[in-house]
Amino acid sequence: MIVIRAMASPLQTGKQSVDLGSPDARPSRIRRDPPPVVKELVIRDRDERDARIVVIGVVTFALALFIIVIGFTGVAGWSPSQYTIQIEG
């Protein structure tokens, strides 16, 4: 039995290989856009922001309770004008 092994020769390309280590190697001609300008990010203090949110929440809750009390007293028929305050001095 006879086995014949043949090695394929590399295909010829139309381009020459470039030795990048040589001093006359050309630099890349790819033009790239400059990197975008980085916008400054302003970070607010979390404690300050949380304090504002708490104050707004407490004021809103108190205002809602005040409106509910005024509405309830109007429905119940009570009015502060029913009472007379006398100051003796």
PDB file of N, CA and C in Angstrom:
ATOM      1  N   MET A   1       0.844  -1.143   0.000  1.00  0.00           N
ATOM      2  CA  MET A   1       0.000   0.000   0.000  1.00  0.00           C
ATOM      3  C   MET A   1       0.906   1.227   0.000  1.00  0.00           C
ATOM      4  N   ILE A   2       0.591   2.153  -0.844  1.00  0.00           N
ATOM      5  CA  ILE A   2       1.394   3.348  -0.990  1.00  0.00           C
ATOM      6  C   ILE A   2       0.540   4.545  -0.555  1.00  0.00           C
ATOM      7  N   VAL A   3       1.093   5.378   0.353  1.00  0.00           N
ATOM      8  CA  VAL A   3       0.400   6.573   0.840  1.00  0.00           C
ATOM      9  C   VAL A   3       1.189   7.772   0.355  1.00  0.00           C
ATOM     10  N   ILE A   4       0.513   8.642  -0.334  1.00  0.00           N
ATOM     11  CA  ILE A   4       1.166   9.843  -0.838  1.00  0.00           C
ATOM     12  C   ILE A   4       0.579  11.034  -0.083  1.00  0.00           C
ATOM     13  N   ARG A   5       1.454  11.757   0.531  1.00  0.00           N
ATOM     14  CA  ARG A   5       1.014  12.948   1.252  1.00  0.00           C
ATOM     15  C   ARG A   5       1.597  14.148   0.542  1.00  0.00           C
ATOM     16  N   ALA A   6       0.731  15.054   0.207  1.00  0.00           N
ATOM     17  CA  ALA A   6       1.193  16.276  -0.456  1.00  0.00           C
ATOM     18  C   ALA A   6       0.790  17.456   0.395  1.00  0.00           C
ATOM     19  N   MET A   7       1.674  18.390   0.532  1.00  0.00           N
ATOM     20  CA  MET A   7       1.367  19.588   1.289  1.00  0.00           C
ATOM     21  C   MET A   7       0.954  20.672   0.313  1.00  0.00           C
ATOM     22  N   ALA A   8      -0.081  21.404   0.697  1.00  0.00           N
ATOM     23  CA  ALA A   8      -0.550  22.480  -0.174  1.00  0.00           C
ATOM     24  C   ALA A   8       0.355  23.690   0.008  1.00  0.00           C
ATOM     25  N   SER A   9       0.608  24.389  -1.054  1.00  0.00           N
ATOM     26  CA  SER A   9       1.408  25.600  -0.958  1.00  0.00           C
ATOM     27  C   SER A   9       0.479  26.761  -0.618  1.00  0.00           C
ATOM     28  N   PRO A  10       0.937  27.777   0.161  1.00  0.00           N
ATOM     29  CA  PRO A  10       0.066  28.889   0.507  1.00  0.00           C
ATOM     30  C   PRO A  10      -0.359  29.657  -0.734  1.00  0.00           C
ATOM     31  N   LEU A  11      -1.567  30.147  -0.679  1.00  0.00           N
ATOM     32  CA  LEU A  11      -2.086  30.925  -1.800  1.00  0.00           C
ATOM     33  C   LEU A  11      -1.391  32.271  -1.861  1.00  0.00           C
ATOM     34  N   GLN A  12      -1.157  32.741  -3.055  1.00  0.00           N
ATOM     35  CA  GLN A  12      -0.522  34.032  -3.240  1.00  0.00           C
ATOM     36  C   GLN A  12      -1.585  35.122  -3.180  1.00  0.00           C
ATOM     37  N   THR A  13      -1.340  36.118  -2.342  1.00  0.00           N
ATOM     38  CA  THR A  13      -2.246  37.253  -2.290  1.00  0.00           C
ATOM     39  C   THR A  13      -1.647  38.372  -3.112  1.00  0.00           C
ATOM     40  N   GLY A  14      -2.434  39.317  -3.484  1.00  0.00           N
ATOM     41  CA  GLY A  14      -1.954  40.418  -4.293  1.00  0.00           C
ATOM     42  C   GLY A  14      -1.204  41.466  -3.482  1.00  0.00           C
ATOM     43  N   LYS A  15      -1.226  41.358  -2.170  1.00  0.00           N
ATOM     44  CA  LYS A  15      -0.601  42.383  -1.331  1.00  0.00           C
ATOM     45  C   LYS A  15       0.724  41.875  -0.788  1.00  0.00           C
ATOM     46  N   GLN A  16       1.618  42.784  -0.574  1.00  0.00           N
ATOM     47  CA  GLN A  16       2.878  42.432   0.046  1.00  0.00           C
ATOM     48  C   GLN A  16       2.714  42.514   1.564  1.00  0.00           C
ATOM     49  N   SER A  17       3.458  41.668   2.265  1.00  0.00           N
ATOM     50  CA  SER A  17       3.405  41.733   3.716  1.00  0.00           C
ATOM     51  C   SER A  17       4.222  42.926   4.194  1.00  0.00           C
ATOM     52  N   VAL A  18       3.816  43.475   5.335  1.00  0.00           N
ATOM     53  CA  VAL A  18       4.466  44.668   5.873  1.00  0.00           C
ATOM     54  C   VAL A  18       5.204  44.277   7.141  1.00  0.00           C
ATOM     55  N   ASP A  19       6.446  44.672   7.238  1.00  0.00           N
ATOM     56  CA  ASP A  19       7.231  44.449   8.449  1.00  0.00           C
ATOM     57  C   ASP A  19       7.067  45.684   9.338  1.00  0.00           C
ATOM     58  N   LEU A  20       6.293  45.552  10.414  1.00  0.00           N
ATOM     59  CA  LEU A  20       6.003  46.701  11.270  1.00  0.00           C
ATOM     60  C   LEU A  20       7.202  47.114  12.111  1.00  0.00           C
ATOM     61  N   GLY A  21       8.190  46.271  12.207  1.00  0.00           N
ATOM     62  CA  GLY A  21       9.366  46.611  12.992  1.00  0.00           C
ATOM     63  C   GLY A  21      10.360  47.465  12.227  1.00  0.00           C
ATOM     64  N   SER A  22      10.199  47.600  10.941  1.00  0.00           N
ATOM     65  CA  SER A  22      11.146  48.388  10.160  1.00  0.00           C
ATOM     66  C   SER A  22      10.886  49.878  10.367  1.00  0.00           C
ATOM     67  N   PRO A  23      11.928  50.709  10.259  1.00  0.00           N
ATOM     68  CA  PRO A  23      11.750  52.143  10.517  1.00  0.00           C
ATOM     69  C   PRO A  23      10.944  52.860   9.434  1.00  0.00           C
ATOM     70  N   ASP A  24      10.831  52.314   8.270  1.00  0.00           N
ATOM     71  CA  ASP A  24      10.088  52.990   7.209  1.00  0.00           C
ATOM     72  C   ASP A  24       8.644  52.504   7.098  1.00  0.00           C
ATOM     73  N   ALA A  25       8.126  51.842   8.126  1.00  0.00           N
ATOM     74  CA  ALA A  25       6.725  51.403   8.117  1.00  0.00           C
ATOM     75  C   ALA A  25       5.821  52.621   8.273  1.00  0.00           C
ATOM     76  N   ARG A  26       4.808  52.684   7.450  1.00  0.00           N
ATOM     77  CA  ARG A  26       3.904  53.836   7.485  1.00  0.00           C
ATOM     78  C   ARG A  26       2.937  53.718   8.666  1.00  0.00           C
ATOM     79  N   PRO A  27       2.595  54.847   9.274  1.00  0.00           N
ATOM     80  CA  PRO A  27       1.584  54.788  10.347  1.00  0.00           C
ATOM     81  C   PRO A  27       0.194  54.583   9.746  1.00  0.00           C
ATOM     82  N   SER A  28      -0.728  54.226  10.597  1.00  0.00           N
ATOM     83  CA  SER A  28      -2.094  53.992  10.149  1.00  0.00           C
ATOM     84  C   SER A  28      -2.700  55.291   9.618  1.00  0.00           C
ATOM     85  N   ARG A  29      -3.458  55.180   8.542  1.00  0.00           N
ATOM     86  CA  ARG A  29      -4.082  56.362   7.951  1.00  0.00           C
ATOM     87  C   ARG A  29      -5.566  56.439   8.312  1.00  0.00           C
ATOM     88  N   ILE A  30      -5.995  55.632   9.255  1.00  0.00           N
ATOM     89  CA  ILE A  30      -7.392  55.645   9.665  1.00  0.00           C
ATOM     90  C   ILE A  30      -7.641  56.920  10.455  1.00  0.00           C
ATOM     91  N   ARG A  31      -8.619  57.678  10.033  1.00  0.00           N
ATOM     92  CA  ARG A  31      -8.946  58.916  10.735  1.00  0.00           C
ATOM     93  C   ARG A  31     -10.031  58.628  11.757  1.00  0.00           C
ATOM     94  N   ARG A  32      -9.760  59.044  12.970  1.00  0.00           N
ATOM     95  CA  ARG A  32     -10.726  58.802  14.042  1.00  0.00           C
ATOM     96  C   ARG A  32     -11.219  60.137  14.580  1.00  0.00           C
ATOM     97  N   ASP A  33     -12.465  60.149  15.023  1.00  0.00           N
ATOM     98  CA  ASP A  33     -13.008  61.345  15.661  1.00  0.00           C
ATOM     99  C   ASP A  33     -12.344  61.508  17.020  1.00  0.00           C
ATOM    100  N   PRO A  34     -12.157  62.756  17.449  1.00  0.00           N
ATOM    101  CA  PRO A  34     -11.593  62.949  18.788  1.00  0.00           C
ATOM    102  C   PRO A  34     -12.586  62.448  19.827  1.00  0.00           C
ATOM    103  N   PRO A  35     -12.103  62.063  20.996  1.00  0.00           N
ATOM    104  CA  PRO A  35     -13.031  61.571  22.020  1.00  0.00           C
ATOM    105  C   PRO A  35     -13.994  62.675  22.432  1.00  0.00           C
ATOM    106  N   PRO A  36     -15.232  62.312  22.751  1.00  0.00           N
ATOM    107  CA  PRO A  36     -16.218  63.340  23.130  1.00  0.00           C
ATOM    108  C   PRO A  36     -15.809  64.030  24.426  1.00  0.00           C
ATOM    109  N   VAL A  37     -16.254  65.266  24.564  1.00  0.00           N
ATOM    110  CA  VAL A  37     -15.957  66.044  25.764  1.00  0.00           C
ATOM    111  C   VAL A  37     -16.767  65.464  26.920  1.00  0.00           C
ATOM    112  N   VAL A  38     -16.096  65.208  28.012  1.00  0.00           N
ATOM    113  CA  VAL A  38     -16.756  64.627  29.176  1.00  0.00           C
ATOM    114  C   VAL A  38     -17.474  65.742  29.924  1.00  0.00           C
ATOM    115  N   LYS A  39     -18.785  65.563  30.117  1.00  0.00           N
ATOM    116  CA  LYS A  39     -19.569  66.551  30.854  1.00  0.00           C
ATOM    117  C   LYS A  39     -19.323  66.361  32.346  1.00  0.00           C
ATOM    118  N   GLU A  40     -19.233  67.499  33.038  1.00  0.00           N
ATOM    119  CA  GLU A  40     -19.051  67.418  34.484  1.00  0.00           C
ATOM    120  C   GLU A  40     -20.369  67.013  35.124  1.00  0.00           C
ATOM    121  N   LEU A  41     -20.306  66.040  35.983  1.00  0.00           N
ATOM    122  CA  LEU A  41     -21.486  65.524  36.658  1.00  0.00           C
ATOM    123  C   LEU A  41     -21.541  66.107  38.061  1.00  0.00           C
ATOM    124  N   VAL A  42     -22.628  66.830  38.336  1.00  0.00           N
ATOM    125  CA  VAL A  42     -22.789  67.439  39.655  1.00  0.00           C
ATOM    126  C   VAL A  42     -23.591  66.470  40.511  1.00  0.00           C
ATOM    127  N   ILE A  43     -22.969  66.024  41.579  1.00  0.00           N
ATOM    128  CA  ILE A  43     -23.641  65.087  42.483  1.00  0.00           C
ATOM    129  C   ILE A  43     -24.082  65.862  43.713  1.00  0.00           C
ATOM    130  N   ARG A  44     -25.384  65.877  43.929  1.00  0.00           N
ATOM    131  CA  ARG A  44     -25.914  66.558  45.104  1.00  0.00           C
ATOM    132  C   ARG A  44     -25.742  65.679  46.333  1.00  0.00           C
ATOM    133  N   ASP A  45     -25.669  66.326  47.456  1.00  0.00           N
ATOM    134  CA  ASP A  45     -25.525  65.610  48.718  1.00  0.00           C
ATOM    135  C   ASP A  45     -26.828  64.865  49.005  1.00  0.00           C
ATOM    136  N   ARG A  46     -26.737  63.584  49.258  1.00  0.00           N
ATOM    137  CA  ARG A  46     -27.942  62.779  49.499  1.00  0.00           C
ATOM    138  C   ARG A  46     -28.667  63.214  50.765  1.00  0.00           C
ATOM    139  N   ASP A  47     -27.922  63.572  51.797  1.00  0.00           N
ATOM    140  CA  ASP A  47     -28.559  63.985  53.049  1.00  0.00           C
ATOM    141  C   ASP A  47     -29.383  65.255  52.842  1.00  0.00           C
ATOM    142  N   GLU A  48     -28.845  66.182  52.062  1.00  0.00           N
ATOM    143  CA  GLU A  48     -29.570  67.429  51.784  1.00  0.00           C
ATOM    144  C   GLU A  48     -30.842  67.140  50.998  1.00  0.00           C
ATOM    145  N   ARG A  49     -30.739  66.274  50.010  1.00  0.00           N
ATOM    146  CA  ARG A  49     -31.908  65.926  49.200  1.00  0.00           C
ATOM    147  C   ARG A  49     -32.948  65.201  50.041  1.00  0.00           C
ATOM    148  N   ASP A  50     -32.498  64.263  50.886  1.00  0.00           N
ATOM    149  CA  ASP A  50     -33.429  63.530  51.738  1.00  0.00           C
ATOM    150  C   ASP A  50     -34.115  64.457  52.732  1.00  0.00           C
ATOM    151  N   ALA A  51     -33.383  65.435  53.260  1.00  0.00           N
ATOM    152  CA  ALA A  51     -33.976  66.374  54.210  1.00  0.00           C
ATOM    153  C   ALA A  51     -35.072  67.189  53.530  1.00  0.00           C
ATOM    154  N   ARG A  52     -34.822  67.629  52.304  1.00  0.00           N
ATOM    155  CA  ARG A  52     -35.857  68.383  51.574  1.00  0.00           C
ATOM    156  C   ARG A  52     -37.093  67.528  51.329  1.00  0.00           C
ATOM    157  N   ILE A  53     -36.894  66.277  50.954  1.00  0.00           N
ATOM    158  CA  ILE A  53     -38.035  65.389  50.688  1.00  0.00           C
ATOM    159  C   ILE A  53     -38.837  65.165  51.963  1.00  0.00           C
ATOM    160  N   VAL A  54     -38.162  65.000  53.105  1.00  0.00           N
ATOM    161  CA  VAL A  54     -38.866  64.789  54.379  1.00  0.00           C
ATOM    162  C   VAL A  54     -39.673  66.026  54.746  1.00  0.00           C
ATOM    163  N   VAL A  55     -39.090  67.208  54.610  1.00  0.00           N
ATOM    164  CA  VAL A  55     -39.808  68.442  54.946  1.00  0.00           C
ATOM    165  C   VAL A  55     -41.030  68.607  54.052  1.00  0.00           C
ATOM    166  N   ILE A  56     -40.870  68.370  52.765  1.00  0.00           N
ATOM    167  CA  ILE A  56     -42.010  68.487  51.838  1.00  0.00           C
ATOM    168  C   ILE A  56     -43.091  67.474  52.203  1.00  0.00           C
ATOM    169  N   GLY A  57     -42.693  66.252  52.567  1.00  0.00           N
ATOM    170  CA  GLY A  57     -43.666  65.221  52.942  1.00  0.00           C
ATOM    171  C   GLY A  57     -44.429  65.575  54.205  1.00  0.00           C
ATOM    172  N   VAL A  58     -43.728  66.090  55.221  1.00  0.00           N
ATOM    173  CA  VAL A  58     -44.383  66.441  56.486  1.00  0.00           C
ATOM    174  C   VAL A  58     -45.348  67.608  56.278  1.00  0.00           C
ATOM    175  N   VAL A  59     -44.925  68.626  55.530  1.00  0.00           N
ATOM    176  CA  VAL A  59     -45.799  69.782  55.277  1.00  0.00           C
ATOM    177  C   VAL A  59     -47.023  69.357  54.481  1.00  0.00           C
ATOM    178  N   THR A  60     -46.841  68.500  53.495  1.00  0.00           N
ATOM    179  CA  THR A  60     -47.972  68.024  52.690  1.00  0.00           C
ATOM    180  C   THR A  60     -48.950  67.219  53.546  1.00  0.00           C
ATOM    181  N   PHE A  61     -48.435  66.356  54.413  1.00  0.00           N
ATOM    182  CA  PHE A  61     -49.296  65.566  55.283  1.00  0.00           C
ATOM    183  C   PHE A  61     -50.069  66.453  56.258  1.00  0.00           C
ATOM    184  N   ALA A  62     -49.395  67.450  56.854  1.00  0.00           N
ATOM    185  CA  ALA A  62     -50.068  68.363  57.776  1.00  0.00           C
ATOM    186  C   ALA A  62     -51.145  69.167  57.057  1.00  0.00           C
ATOM    187  N   LEU A  63     -50.850  69.613  55.851  1.00  0.00           N
ATOM    188  CA  LEU A  63     -51.841  70.360  55.071  1.00  0.00           C
ATOM    189  C   LEU A  63     -53.049  69.481  54.735  1.00  0.00           C
ATOM    190  N   ALA A  64     -52.812  68.230  54.391  1.00  0.00           N
ATOM    191  CA  ALA A  64     -53.917  67.310  54.088  1.00  0.00           C
ATOM    192  C   ALA A  64     -54.781  67.086  55.335  1.00  0.00           C
ATOM    193  N   LEU A  65     -54.154  66.901  56.495  1.00  0.00           N
ATOM    194  CA  LEU A  65     -54.938  66.737  57.729  1.00  0.00           C
ATOM    195  C   LEU A  65     -55.740  67.994  58.047  1.00  0.00           C
ATOM    196  N   PHE A  66     -55.155  69.165  57.855  1.00  0.00           N
ATOM    197  CA  PHE A  66     -55.853  70.410  58.111  1.00  0.00           C
ATOM    198  C   PHE A  66     -57.079  70.537  57.202  1.00  0.00           C
ATOM    199  N   ILE A  67     -56.931  70.196  55.944  1.00  0.00           N
ATOM    200  CA  ILE A  67     -58.069  70.276  55.012  1.00  0.00           C
ATOM    201  C   ILE A  67     -59.150  69.277  55.398  1.00  0.00           C
ATOM    202  N   ILE A  68     -58.752  68.090  55.839  1.00  0.00           N
ATOM    203  CA  ILE A  68     -59.744  67.086  56.258  1.00  0.00           C
ATOM    204  C   ILE A  68     -60.500  67.571  57.492  1.00  0.00           C
ATOM    205  N   VAL A  69     -59.803  68.158  58.458  1.00  0.00           N
ATOM    206  CA  VAL A  69     -60.457  68.660  59.674  1.00  0.00           C
ATOM    207  C   VAL A  69     -61.416  69.791  59.325  1.00  0.00           C
ATOM    208  N   ILE A  70     -60.990  70.726  58.467  1.00  0.00           N
ATOM    209  CA  ILE A  70     -61.877  71.823  58.054  1.00  0.00           C
ATOM    210  C   ILE A  70     -63.104  71.273  57.339  1.00  0.00           C
ATOM    211  N   GLY A  71     -62.912  70.290  56.478  1.00  0.00           N
ATOM    212  CA  GLY A  71     -64.053  69.684  55.778  1.00  0.00           C
ATOM    213  C   GLY A  71     -64.990  68.967  56.728  1.00  0.00           C
ATOM    214  N   PHE A  72     -64.431  68.251  57.690  1.00  0.00           N
ATOM    215  CA  PHE A  72     -65.270  67.524  58.646  1.00  0.00           C
ATOM    216  C   PHE A  72     -66.087  68.472  59.515  1.00  0.00           C
ATOM    217  N   THR A  73     -65.455  69.560  59.967  1.00  0.00           N
ATOM    218  CA  THR A  73     -66.194  70.507  60.804  1.00  0.00           C
ATOM    219  C   THR A  73     -67.273  71.213  59.998  1.00  0.00           C
ATOM    220  N   GLY A  74     -67.050  71.430  58.729  1.00  0.00           N
ATOM    221  CA  GLY A  74     -68.087  72.041  57.894  1.00  0.00           C
ATOM    222  C   GLY A  74     -69.273  71.112  57.704  1.00  0.00           C
ATOM    223  N   VAL A  75     -68.998  69.817  57.550  1.00  0.00           N
ATOM    224  CA  VAL A  75     -70.080  68.836  57.381  1.00  0.00           C
ATOM    225  C   VAL A  75     -70.831  68.648  58.695  1.00  0.00           C
ATOM    226  N   ALA A  76     -70.132  68.670  59.813  1.00  0.00           N
ATOM    227  CA  ALA A  76     -70.755  68.447  61.118  1.00  0.00           C
ATOM    228  C   ALA A  76     -71.562  69.668  61.566  1.00  0.00           C
ATOM    229  N   GLY A  77     -71.381  70.808  60.923  1.00  0.00           N
ATOM    230  CA  GLY A  77     -72.144  71.983  61.271  1.00  0.00           C
ATOM    231  C   GLY A  77     -71.507  72.818  62.367  1.00  0.00           C
ATOM    232  N   TRP A  78     -70.291  72.531  62.738  1.00  0.00           N
ATOM    233  CA  TRP A  78     -69.624  73.292  63.789  1.00  0.00           C
ATOM    234  C   TRP A  78     -68.849  74.434  63.168  1.00  0.00           C
ATOM    235  N   SER A  79     -68.834  75.568  63.857  1.00  0.00           N
ATOM    236  CA  SER A  79     -68.096  76.725  63.386  1.00  0.00           C
ATOM    237  C   SER A  79     -67.474  77.420  64.583  1.00  0.00           C
ATOM    238  N   PRO A  80     -66.272  77.973  64.430  1.00  0.00           N
ATOM    239  CA  PRO A  80     -65.666  78.688  65.564  1.00  0.00           C
ATOM    240  C   PRO A  80     -66.466  79.925  65.958  1.00  0.00           C
ATOM    241  N   SER A  81     -67.314  80.421  65.089  1.00  0.00           N
ATOM    242  CA  SER A  81     -68.102  81.616  65.428  1.00  0.00           C
ATOM    243  C   SER A  81     -69.186  81.300  66.459  1.00  0.00           C
ATOM    244  N   GLN A  82     -69.410  80.032  66.757  1.00  0.00           N
ATOM    245  CA  GLN A  82     -70.410  79.670  67.758  1.00  0.00           C
ATOM    246  C   GLN A  82     -69.919  79.966  69.180  1.00  0.00           C
ATOM    247  N   TYR A  83     -68.650  80.184  69.334  1.00  0.00           N
ATOM    248  CA  TYR A  83     -68.085  80.418  70.662  1.00  0.00           C
ATOM    249  C   TYR A  83     -67.660  81.866  70.789  1.00  0.00           C
ATOM    250  N   THR A  84     -67.826  82.407  71.987  1.00  0.00           N
ATOM    251  CA  THR A  84     -67.435  83.775  72.288  1.00  0.00           C
ATOM    252  C   THR A  84     -66.363  83.722  73.373  1.00  0.00           C
ATOM    253  N   ILE A  85     -65.285  84.417  73.147  1.00  0.00           N
ATOM    254  CA  ILE A  85     -64.200  84.455  74.121  1.00  0.00           C
ATOM    255  C   ILE A  85     -64.289  85.787  74.861  1.00  0.00           C
ATOM    256  N   GLN A  86     -64.337  85.730  76.174  1.00  0.00           N
ATOM    257  CA  GLN A  86     -64.371  86.945  76.996  1.00  0.00           C
ATOM    258  C   GLN A  86     -63.089  87.006  77.815  1.00  0.00           C
ATOM    259  N   ILE A  87     -62.417  88.121  77.692  1.00  0.00           N
ATOM    260  CA  ILE A  87     -61.165  88.320  78.408  1.00  0.00           C
ATOM    261  C   ILE A  87     -61.422  89.352  79.497  1.00  0.00           C
ATOM    262  N   GLU A  88     -61.225  88.978  80.746  1.00  0.00           N
ATOM    263  CA  GLU A  88     -61.416  89.907  81.867  1.00  0.00           C
ATOM    264  C   GLU A  88     -60.064  90.357  82.359  1.00  0.00           C
ATOM    265  N   GLY A  89     -59.942  91.609  82.498  1.00  0.00           N
ATOM    266  CA  GLY A  89     -58.625  92.097  82.854  1.00  0.00           C
ATOM    267  C   GLY A  89     -58.560  93.024  83.993  1.00  0.00           C
TER     268      GLY A  89
END
